[in-house]
Amino acid sequence: MSVRNQRSSYGALPYTPLLPWQVRERRFKLVGLGRRGLEPDHVYAFLDRVATDMAAVYAALAASRREAASATEALRRQQSDGADRGSEA
């Protein structure tokens, strides 16, 4: 079970999502000579790609939240204007 899915008896554990800069700056220990391991350049190129994708997702999420807030505010104004007109009649 991942840390995300674990719950304490007092509710959900605090979870802070990774940020793109945290992915880009992540470093791994190199394996010793004669041992198996991954090519560091490939790992870091992949992490950079993941961080770039994360940055795009976070930007799209922020834009969606702004758009939703704007639509919600417009709907509230419209409902308020309609209620005001109904009370005038």
PDB file of N, CA and C in Angstrom:
ATOM      1  N   MET A   1       0.859  -1.179   0.000  1.00  0.00           N
ATOM      2  CA  MET A   1       0.000   0.000   0.000  1.00  0.00           C
ATOM      3  C   MET A   1       0.897   1.231   0.000  1.00  0.00           C
ATOM      4  N   SER A   2       0.590   2.177  -0.837  1.00  0.00           N
ATOM      5  CA  SER A   2       1.406   3.381  -0.904  1.00  0.00           C
ATOM      6  C   SER A   2       1.058   4.315   0.253  1.00  0.00           C
ATOM      7  N   VAL A   3       1.929   5.271   0.491  1.00  0.00           N
ATOM      8  CA  VAL A   3       1.699   6.246   1.556  1.00  0.00           C
ATOM      9  C   VAL A   3       0.413   7.020   1.292  1.00  0.00           C
ATOM     10  N   ARG A   4       0.115   7.268   0.034  1.00  0.00           N
ATOM     11  CA  ARG A   4      -1.091   8.016  -0.309  1.00  0.00           C
ATOM     12  C   ARG A   4      -2.352   7.336   0.193  1.00  0.00           C
ATOM     13  N   ASN A   5      -2.376   6.003   0.143  1.00  0.00           N
ATOM     14  CA  ASN A   5      -3.594   5.270   0.459  1.00  0.00           C
ATOM     15  C   ASN A   5      -3.719   4.898   1.933  1.00  0.00           C
ATOM     16  N   GLN A   6      -2.679   5.122   2.708  1.00  0.00           N
ATOM     17  CA  GLN A   6      -2.739   4.784   4.121  1.00  0.00           C
ATOM     18  C   GLN A   6      -3.523   5.851   4.867  1.00  0.00           C
ATOM     19  N   ARG A   7      -4.307   5.415   5.832  1.00  0.00           N
ATOM     20  CA  ARG A   7      -5.053   6.360   6.666  1.00  0.00           C
ATOM     21  C   ARG A   7      -4.769   6.049   8.126  1.00  0.00           C
ATOM     22  N   SER A   8      -4.631   7.088   8.901  1.00  0.00           N
ATOM     23  CA  SER A   8      -4.481   6.894  10.328  1.00  0.00           C
ATOM     24  C   SER A   8      -5.873   6.823  10.935  1.00  0.00           C
ATOM     25  N   SER A   9      -5.943   6.531  12.221  1.00  0.00           N
ATOM     26  CA  SER A   9      -7.249   6.478  12.869  1.00  0.00           C
ATOM     27  C   SER A   9      -7.855   7.875  13.010  1.00  0.00           C
ATOM     28  N   TYR A  10      -7.074   8.904  12.745  1.00  0.00           N
ATOM     29  CA  TYR A  10      -7.557  10.277  12.870  1.00  0.00           C
ATOM     30  C   TYR A  10      -7.885  10.911  11.525  1.00  0.00           C
ATOM     31  N   GLY A  11      -7.888  10.140  10.459  1.00  0.00           N
ATOM     32  CA  GLY A  11      -8.202  10.688   9.139  1.00  0.00           C
ATOM     33  C   GLY A  11      -7.047  10.501   8.182  1.00  0.00           C
ATOM     34  N   ALA A  12      -7.108  11.201   7.083  1.00  0.00           N
ATOM     35  CA  ALA A  12      -6.108  11.050   6.030  1.00  0.00           C
ATOM     36  C   ALA A  12      -4.773  11.648   6.457  1.00  0.00           C
ATOM     37  N   LEU A  13      -3.706  10.977   6.041  1.00  0.00           N
ATOM     38  CA  LEU A  13      -2.375  11.519   6.266  1.00  0.00           C
ATOM     39  C   LEU A  13      -2.177  12.724   5.354  1.00  0.00           C
ATOM     40  N   PRO A  14      -1.424  13.696   5.806  1.00  0.00           N
ATOM     41  CA  PRO A  14      -1.177  14.833   4.918  1.00  0.00           C
ATOM     42  C   PRO A  14      -0.347  14.373   3.722  1.00  0.00           C
ATOM     43  N   TYR A  15      -0.714  14.806   2.541  1.00  0.00           N
ATOM     44  CA  TYR A  15       0.005  14.440   1.323  1.00  0.00           C
ATOM     45  C   TYR A  15       0.264  15.701   0.530  1.00  0.00           C
ATOM     46  N   THR A  16       1.521  15.953   0.260  1.00  0.00           N
ATOM     47  CA  THR A  16       1.902  17.100  -0.545  1.00  0.00           C
ATOM     48  C   THR A  16       2.371  16.580  -1.892  1.00  0.00           C
ATOM     49  N   PRO A  17       1.715  16.970  -2.977  1.00  0.00           N
ATOM     50  CA  PRO A  17       2.130  16.471  -4.285  1.00  0.00           C
ATOM     51  C   PRO A  17       3.511  16.976  -4.669  1.00  0.00           C
ATOM     52  N   LEU A  18       4.205  16.184  -5.470  1.00  0.00           N
ATOM     53  CA  LEU A  18       5.508  16.594  -5.977  1.00  0.00           C
ATOM     54  C   LEU A  18       5.349  17.773  -6.917  1.00  0.00           C
ATOM     55  N   LEU A  19       6.323  18.634  -6.886  1.00  0.00           N
ATOM     56  CA  LEU A  19       6.357  19.768  -7.801  1.00  0.00           C
ATOM     57  C   LEU A  19       7.411  19.494  -8.872  1.00  0.00           C
ATOM     58  N   PRO A  20       7.271  20.104 -10.045  1.00  0.00           N
ATOM     59  CA  PRO A  20       8.224  19.835 -11.119  1.00  0.00           C
ATOM     60  C   PRO A  20       9.686  20.031 -10.713  1.00  0.00           C
ATOM     61  N   TRP A  21       9.988  21.073  -9.965  1.00  0.00           N
ATOM     62  CA  TRP A  21      11.384  21.303  -9.586  1.00  0.00           C
ATOM     63  C   TRP A  21      11.907  20.187  -8.700  1.00  0.00           C
ATOM     64  N   GLN A  22      11.036  19.552  -7.892  1.00  0.00           N
ATOM     65  CA  GLN A  22      11.473  18.450  -7.043  1.00  0.00           C
ATOM     66  C   GLN A  22      11.856  17.234  -7.885  1.00  0.00           C
ATOM     67  N   VAL A  23      11.131  17.015  -8.968  1.00  0.00           N
ATOM     68  CA  VAL A  23      11.463  15.904  -9.857  1.00  0.00           C
ATOM     69  C   VAL A  23      12.781  16.187 -10.570  1.00  0.00           C
ATOM     70  N   ARG A  24      12.930  17.414 -11.074  1.00  0.00           N
ATOM     71  CA  ARG A  24      14.163  17.760 -11.795  1.00  0.00           C
ATOM     72  C   ARG A  24      15.400  17.645 -10.914  1.00  0.00           C
ATOM     73  N   GLU A  25      15.290  17.995  -9.640  1.00  0.00           N
ATOM     74  CA  GLU A  25      16.456  18.012  -8.758  1.00  0.00           C
ATOM     75  C   GLU A  25      16.722  16.682  -8.059  1.00  0.00           C
ATOM     76  N   ARG A  26      15.869  15.699  -8.259  1.00  0.00           N
ATOM     77  CA  ARG A  26      16.038  14.396  -7.609  1.00  0.00           C
ATOM     78  C   ARG A  26      17.294  13.721  -8.144  1.00  0.00           C
ATOM     79  N   ARG A  27      18.130  13.219  -7.268  1.00  0.00           N
ATOM     80  CA  ARG A  27      19.356  12.524  -7.654  1.00  0.00           C
ATOM     81  C   ARG A  27      19.358  11.143  -7.015  1.00  0.00           C
ATOM     82  N   PHE A  28      20.009  10.195  -7.682  1.00  0.00           N
ATOM     83  CA  PHE A  28      20.059   8.818  -7.223  1.00  0.00           C
ATOM     84  C   PHE A  28      21.508   8.402  -7.042  1.00  0.00           C
ATOM     85  N   LYS A  29      21.723   7.453  -6.133  1.00  0.00           N
ATOM     86  CA  LYS A  29      23.064   6.920  -5.926  1.00  0.00           C
ATOM     87  C   LYS A  29      23.480   6.125  -7.154  1.00  0.00           C
ATOM     88  N   LEU A  30      24.748   6.236  -7.501  1.00  0.00           N
ATOM     89  CA  LEU A  30      25.277   5.442  -8.600  1.00  0.00           C
ATOM     90  C   LEU A  30      25.640   4.054  -8.075  1.00  0.00           C
ATOM     91  N   VAL A  31      25.462   3.055  -8.910  1.00  0.00           N
ATOM     92  CA  VAL A  31      25.824   1.701  -8.498  1.00  0.00           C
ATOM     93  C   VAL A  31      27.321   1.517  -8.683  1.00  0.00           C
ATOM     94  N   GLY A  32      27.879   0.600  -7.901  1.00  0.00           N
ATOM     95  CA  GLY A  32      29.308   0.336  -7.996  1.00  0.00           C
ATOM     96  C   GLY A  32      29.663  -0.382  -9.284  1.00  0.00           C
ATOM     97  N   LEU A  33      30.939  -0.435  -9.581  1.00  0.00           N
ATOM     98  CA  LEU A  33      31.403  -1.110 -10.793  1.00  0.00           C
ATOM     99  C   LEU A  33      31.033  -2.584 -10.750  1.00  0.00           C
ATOM    100  N   GLY A  34      30.625  -3.100 -11.875  1.00  0.00           N
ATOM    101  CA  GLY A  34      30.287  -4.516 -11.959  1.00  0.00           C
ATOM    102  C   GLY A  34      28.897  -4.849 -11.442  1.00  0.00           C
ATOM    103  N   ARG A  35      28.160  -3.859 -11.009  1.00  0.00           N
ATOM    104  CA  ARG A  35      26.802  -4.109 -10.512  1.00  0.00           C
ATOM    105  C   ARG A  35      25.793  -3.610 -11.523  1.00  0.00           C
ATOM    106  N   ARG A  36      24.600  -4.121 -11.434  1.00  0.00           N
ATOM    107  CA  ARG A  36      23.548  -3.691 -12.348  1.00  0.00           C
ATOM    108  C   ARG A  36      23.008  -2.329 -11.914  1.00  0.00           C
ATOM    109  N   GLY A  37      22.501  -1.607 -12.868  1.00  0.00           N
ATOM    110  CA  GLY A  37      21.917  -0.308 -12.546  1.00  0.00           C
ATOM    111  C   GLY A  37      21.394   0.361 -13.798  1.00  0.00           C
ATOM    112  N   LEU A  38      20.913   1.556 -13.635  1.00  0.00           N
ATOM    113  CA  LEU A  38      20.366   2.315 -14.751  1.00  0.00           C
ATOM    114  C   LEU A  38      21.376   3.349 -15.215  1.00  0.00           C
ATOM    115  N   GLU A  39      21.274   3.732 -16.468  1.00  0.00           N
ATOM    116  CA  GLU A  39      22.133   4.769 -17.028  1.00  0.00           C
ATOM    117  C   GLU A  39      21.670   6.117 -16.479  1.00  0.00           C
ATOM    118  N   PRO A  40      22.496   6.790 -15.682  1.00  0.00           N
ATOM    119  CA  PRO A  40      22.072   8.048 -15.054  1.00  0.00           C
ATOM    120  C   PRO A  40      21.551   9.087 -16.042  1.00  0.00           C
ATOM    121  N   ASP A  41      22.183   9.222 -17.205  1.00  0.00           N
ATOM    122  CA  ASP A  41      21.720  10.220 -18.178  1.00  0.00           C
ATOM    123  C   ASP A  41      20.301   9.928 -18.642  1.00  0.00           C
ATOM    124  N   HIS A  42      19.969   8.646 -18.793  1.00  0.00           N
ATOM    125  CA  HIS A  42      18.617   8.275 -19.216  1.00  0.00           C
ATOM    126  C   HIS A  42      17.605   8.573 -18.114  1.00  0.00           C
ATOM    127  N   VAL A  43      17.995   8.282 -16.880  1.00  0.00           N
ATOM    128  CA  VAL A  43      17.106   8.542 -15.742  1.00  0.00           C
ATOM    129  C   VAL A  43      16.820  10.035 -15.640  1.00  0.00           C
ATOM    130  N   TYR A  44      17.858  10.857 -15.714  1.00  0.00           N
ATOM    131  CA  TYR A  44      17.672  12.292 -15.555  1.00  0.00           C
ATOM    132  C   TYR A  44      16.934  12.903 -16.744  1.00  0.00           C
ATOM    133  N   ALA A  45      17.124  12.364 -17.941  1.00  0.00           N
ATOM    134  CA  ALA A  45      16.356  12.841 -19.097  1.00  0.00           C
ATOM    135  C   ALA A  45      14.878  12.518 -18.905  1.00  0.00           C
ATOM    136  N   PHE A  46      14.601  11.322 -18.385  1.00  0.00           N
ATOM    137  CA  PHE A  46      13.207  10.945 -18.133  1.00  0.00           C
ATOM    138  C   PHE A  46      12.598  11.834 -17.049  1.00  0.00           C
ATOM    139  N   LEU A  47      13.335  12.068 -15.965  1.00  0.00           N
ATOM    140  CA  LEU A  47      12.824  12.923 -14.893  1.00  0.00           C
ATOM    141  C   LEU A  47      12.546  14.332 -15.408  1.00  0.00           C
ATOM    142  N   ASP A  48      13.393  14.835 -16.289  1.00  0.00           N
ATOM    143  CA  ASP A  48      13.162  16.164 -16.852  1.00  0.00           C
ATOM    144  C   ASP A  48      11.883  16.171 -17.685  1.00  0.00           C
ATOM    145  N   ARG A  49      11.658  15.099 -18.433  1.00  0.00           N
ATOM    146  CA  ARG A  49      10.428  15.003 -19.234  1.00  0.00           C
ATOM    147  C   ARG A  49       9.195  14.944 -18.333  1.00  0.00           C
ATOM    148  N   VAL A  50       9.286  14.160 -17.257  1.00  0.00           N
ATOM    149  CA  VAL A  50       8.171  14.066 -16.308  1.00  0.00           C
ATOM    150  C   VAL A  50       7.898  15.432 -15.680  1.00  0.00           C
ATOM    151  N   ALA A  51       8.954  16.129 -15.286  1.00  0.00           N
ATOM    152  CA  ALA A  51       8.794  17.444 -14.662  1.00  0.00           C
ATOM    153  C   ALA A  51       8.155  18.435 -15.630  1.00  0.00           C
ATOM    154  N   THR A  52       8.539  18.380 -16.893  1.00  0.00           N
ATOM    155  CA  THR A  52       7.947  19.264 -17.899  1.00  0.00           C
ATOM    156  C   THR A  52       6.462  18.967 -18.057  1.00  0.00           C
ATOM    157  N   ASP A  53       6.119  17.676 -18.114  1.00  0.00           N
ATOM    158  CA  ASP A  53       4.705  17.291 -18.219  1.00  0.00           C
ATOM    159  C   ASP A  53       3.923  17.724 -16.984  1.00  0.00           C
ATOM    160  N   MET A  54       4.536  17.572 -15.801  1.00  0.00           N
ATOM    161  CA  MET A  54       3.870  17.987 -14.565  1.00  0.00           C
ATOM    162  C   MET A  54       3.606  19.488 -14.576  1.00  0.00           C
ATOM    163  N   ALA A  55       4.574  20.262 -15.032  1.00  0.00           N
ATOM    164  CA  ALA A  55       4.400  21.715 -15.081  1.00  0.00           C
ATOM    165  C   ALA A  55       3.233  22.077 -15.997  1.00  0.00           C
ATOM    166  N   ALA A  56       3.117  21.376 -17.127  1.00  0.00           N
ATOM    167  CA  ALA A  56       2.008  21.638 -18.048  1.00  0.00           C
ATOM    168  C   ALA A  56       0.672  21.265 -17.413  1.00  0.00           C
ATOM    169  N   VAL A  57       0.640  20.149 -16.693  1.00  0.00           N
ATOM    170  CA  VAL A  57      -0.600  19.717 -16.033  1.00  0.00           C
ATOM    171  C   VAL A  57      -1.001  20.714 -14.950  1.00  0.00           C
ATOM    172  N   TYR A  58      -0.032  21.156 -14.145  1.00  0.00           N
ATOM    173  CA  TYR A  58      -0.344  22.127 -13.097  1.00  0.00           C
ATOM    174  C   TYR A  58      -0.842  23.442 -13.701  1.00  0.00           C
ATOM    175  N   ALA A  59      -0.259  23.865 -14.815  1.00  0.00           N
ATOM    176  CA  ALA A  59      -0.707  25.100 -15.471  1.00  0.00           C
ATOM    177  C   ALA A  59      -2.134  24.940 -15.998  1.00  0.00           C
ATOM    178  N   ALA A  60      -2.422  23.786 -16.600  1.00  0.00           N
ATOM    179  CA  ALA A  60      -3.777  23.535 -17.108  1.00  0.00           C
ATOM    180  C   ALA A  60      -4.779  23.462 -15.962  1.00  0.00           C
ATOM    181  N   LEU A  61      -4.381  22.858 -14.856  1.00  0.00           N
ATOM    182  CA  LEU A  61      -5.256  22.771 -13.689  1.00  0.00           C
ATOM    183  C   LEU A  61      -5.563  24.164 -13.144  1.00  0.00           C
ATOM    184  N   ALA A  62      -4.547  24.999 -13.044  1.00  0.00           N
ATOM    185  CA  ALA A  62      -4.757  26.366 -12.554  1.00  0.00           C
ATOM    186  C   ALA A  62      -5.692  27.134 -13.485  1.00  0.00           C
ATOM    187  N   ALA A  63      -5.513  26.968 -14.797  1.00  0.00           N
ATOM    188  CA  ALA A  63      -6.390  27.645 -15.757  1.00  0.00           C
ATOM    189  C   ALA A  63      -7.823  27.138 -15.623  1.00  0.00           C
ATOM    190  N   SER A  64      -7.993  25.836 -15.433  1.00  0.00           N
ATOM    191  CA  SER A  64      -9.337  25.263 -15.258  1.00  0.00           C
ATOM    192  C   SER A  64      -9.999  25.796 -13.999  1.00  0.00           C
ATOM    193  N   ARG A  65      -9.227  25.909 -12.934  1.00  0.00           N
ATOM    194  CA  ARG A  65      -9.786  26.430 -11.680  1.00  0.00           C
ATOM    195  C   ARG A  65     -10.205  27.890 -11.833  1.00  0.00           C
ATOM    196  N   ARG A  66      -9.391  28.683 -12.539  1.00  0.00           N
ATOM    197  CA  ARG A  66      -9.766  30.083 -12.776  1.00  0.00           C
ATOM    198  C   ARG A  66     -11.037  30.161 -13.615  1.00  0.00           C
ATOM    199  N   GLU A  67     -11.119  29.329 -14.644  1.00  0.00           N
ATOM    200  CA  GLU A  67     -12.298  29.320 -15.506  1.00  0.00           C
ATOM    201  C   GLU A  67     -13.539  28.893 -14.729  1.00  0.00           C
ATOM    202  N   ALA A  68     -13.400  27.876 -13.876  1.00  0.00           N
ATOM    203  CA  ALA A  68     -14.536  27.413 -13.073  1.00  0.00           C
ATOM    204  C   ALA A  68     -14.980  28.495 -12.093  1.00  0.00           C
ATOM    205  N   ALA A  69     -14.025  29.181 -11.476  1.00  0.00           N
ATOM    206  CA  ALA A  69     -14.366  30.252 -10.541  1.00  0.00           C
ATOM    207  C   ALA A  69     -15.080  31.388 -11.265  1.00  0.00           C
ATOM    208  N   SER A  70     -14.628  31.713 -12.462  1.00  0.00           N
ATOM    209  CA  SER A  70     -15.262  32.766 -13.250  1.00  0.00           C
ATOM    210  C   SER A  70     -16.688  32.375 -13.632  1.00  0.00           C
ATOM    211  N   ALA A  71     -16.875  31.125 -14.053  1.00  0.00           N
ATOM    212  CA  ALA A  71     -18.216  30.651 -14.424  1.00  0.00           C
ATOM    213  C   ALA A  71     -19.136  30.625 -13.212  1.00  0.00           C
ATOM    214  N   THR A  72     -18.609  30.204 -12.071  1.00  0.00           N
ATOM    215  CA  THR A  72     -19.403  30.169 -10.843  1.00  0.00           C
ATOM    216  C   THR A  72     -19.844  31.574 -10.451  1.00  0.00           C
ATOM    217  N   GLU A  73     -18.924  32.518 -10.543  1.00  0.00           N
ATOM    218  CA  GLU A  73     -19.250  33.908 -10.202  1.00  0.00           C
ATOM    219  C   GLU A  73     -20.296  34.471 -11.160  1.00  0.00           C
ATOM    220  N   ALA A  74     -20.166  34.185 -12.449  1.00  0.00           N
ATOM    221  CA  ALA A  74     -21.150  34.663 -13.432  1.00  0.00           C
ATOM    222  C   ALA A  74     -22.523  34.061 -13.155  1.00  0.00           C
ATOM    223  N   LEU A  75     -22.559  32.786 -12.802  1.00  0.00           N
ATOM    224  CA  LEU A  75     -23.828  32.130 -12.485  1.00  0.00           C
ATOM    225  C   LEU A  75     -24.460  32.754 -11.245  1.00  0.00           C
ATOM    226  N   ARG A  76     -23.655  33.033 -10.236  1.00  0.00           N
ATOM    227  CA  ARG A  76     -24.187  33.667  -9.017  1.00  0.00           C
ATOM    228  C   ARG A  76     -24.770  35.042  -9.324  1.00  0.00           C
ATOM    229  N   ARG A  77     -24.059  35.813 -10.163  1.00  0.00           N
ATOM    230  CA  ARG A  77     -24.573  37.137 -10.542  1.00  0.00           C
ATOM    231  C   ARG A  77     -25.893  37.006 -11.288  1.00  0.00           C
ATOM    232  N   GLN A  78     -25.963  36.046 -12.205  1.00  0.00           N
ATOM    233  CA  GLN A  78     -27.186  35.840 -12.982  1.00  0.00           C
ATOM    234  C   GLN A  78     -28.339  35.431 -12.073  1.00  0.00           C
ATOM    235  N   GLN A  79     -28.074  34.532 -11.132  1.00  0.00           N
ATOM    236  CA  GLN A  79     -29.124  34.098 -10.210  1.00  0.00           C
ATOM    237  C   GLN A  79     -29.559  35.244  -9.310  1.00  0.00           C
ATOM    238  N   SER A  80     -28.607  36.044  -8.871  1.00  0.00           N
ATOM    239  CA  SER A  80     -28.918  37.189  -8.021  1.00  0.00           C
ATOM    240  C   SER A  80     -29.753  38.217  -8.782  1.00  0.00           C
ATOM    241  N   ASP A  81     -29.390  38.477 -10.031  1.00  0.00           N
ATOM    242  CA  ASP A  81     -30.163  39.415 -10.856  1.00  0.00           C
ATOM    243  C   ASP A  81     -31.573  38.895 -11.075  1.00  0.00           C
ATOM    244  N   GLY A  82     -31.729  37.612 -11.294  1.00  0.00           N
ATOM    245  CA  GLY A  82     -33.048  37.008 -11.487  1.00  0.00           C
ATOM    246  C   GLY A  82     -33.886  37.084 -10.232  1.00  0.00           C
ATOM    247  N   ALA A  83     -33.275  36.882  -9.082  1.00  0.00           N
ATOM    248  CA  ALA A  83     -34.001  36.961  -7.814  1.00  0.00           C
ATOM    249  C   ALA A  83     -34.437  38.395  -7.544  1.00  0.00           C
ATOM    250  N   ASP A  84     -33.580  39.362  -7.896  1.00  0.00           N
ATOM    251  CA  ASP A  84     -33.932  40.775  -7.709  1.00  0.00           C
ATOM    252  C   ASP A  84     -35.111  41.158  -8.594  1.00  0.00           C
ATOM    253  N   ARG A  85     -35.117  40.679  -9.829  1.00  0.00           N
ATOM    254  CA  ARG A  85     -36.224  40.983 -10.745  1.00  0.00           C
ATOM    255  C   ARG A  85     -37.520  40.342 -10.267  1.00  0.00           C
ATOM    256  N   GLY A  86     -37.426  39.160  -9.697  1.00  0.00           N
ATOM    257  CA  GLY A  86     -38.621  38.465  -9.203  1.00  0.00           C
ATOM    258  C   GLY A  86     -39.241  39.170  -8.014  1.00  0.00           C
ATOM    259  N   SER A  87     -38.439  39.795  -7.181  1.00  0.00           N
ATOM    260  CA  SER A  87     -38.975  40.480  -6.005  1.00  0.00           C
ATOM    261  C   SER A  87     -39.562  41.843  -6.361  1.00  0.00           C
ATOM    262  N   GLU A  88     -39.199  42.388  -7.534  1.00  0.00           N
ATOM    263  CA  GLU A  88     -39.721  43.684  -7.967  1.00  0.00           C
ATOM    264  C   GLU A  88     -41.139  43.567  -8.510  1.00  0.00           C
ATOM    265  N   ALA A  89     -41.526  42.381  -8.930  1.00  0.00           N
ATOM    266  CA  ALA A  89     -42.840  42.221  -9.580  1.00  0.00           C
ATOM    267  C   ALA A  89     -43.983  42.248  -8.616  1.00  0.00           C
TER     268      ALA A  89
END
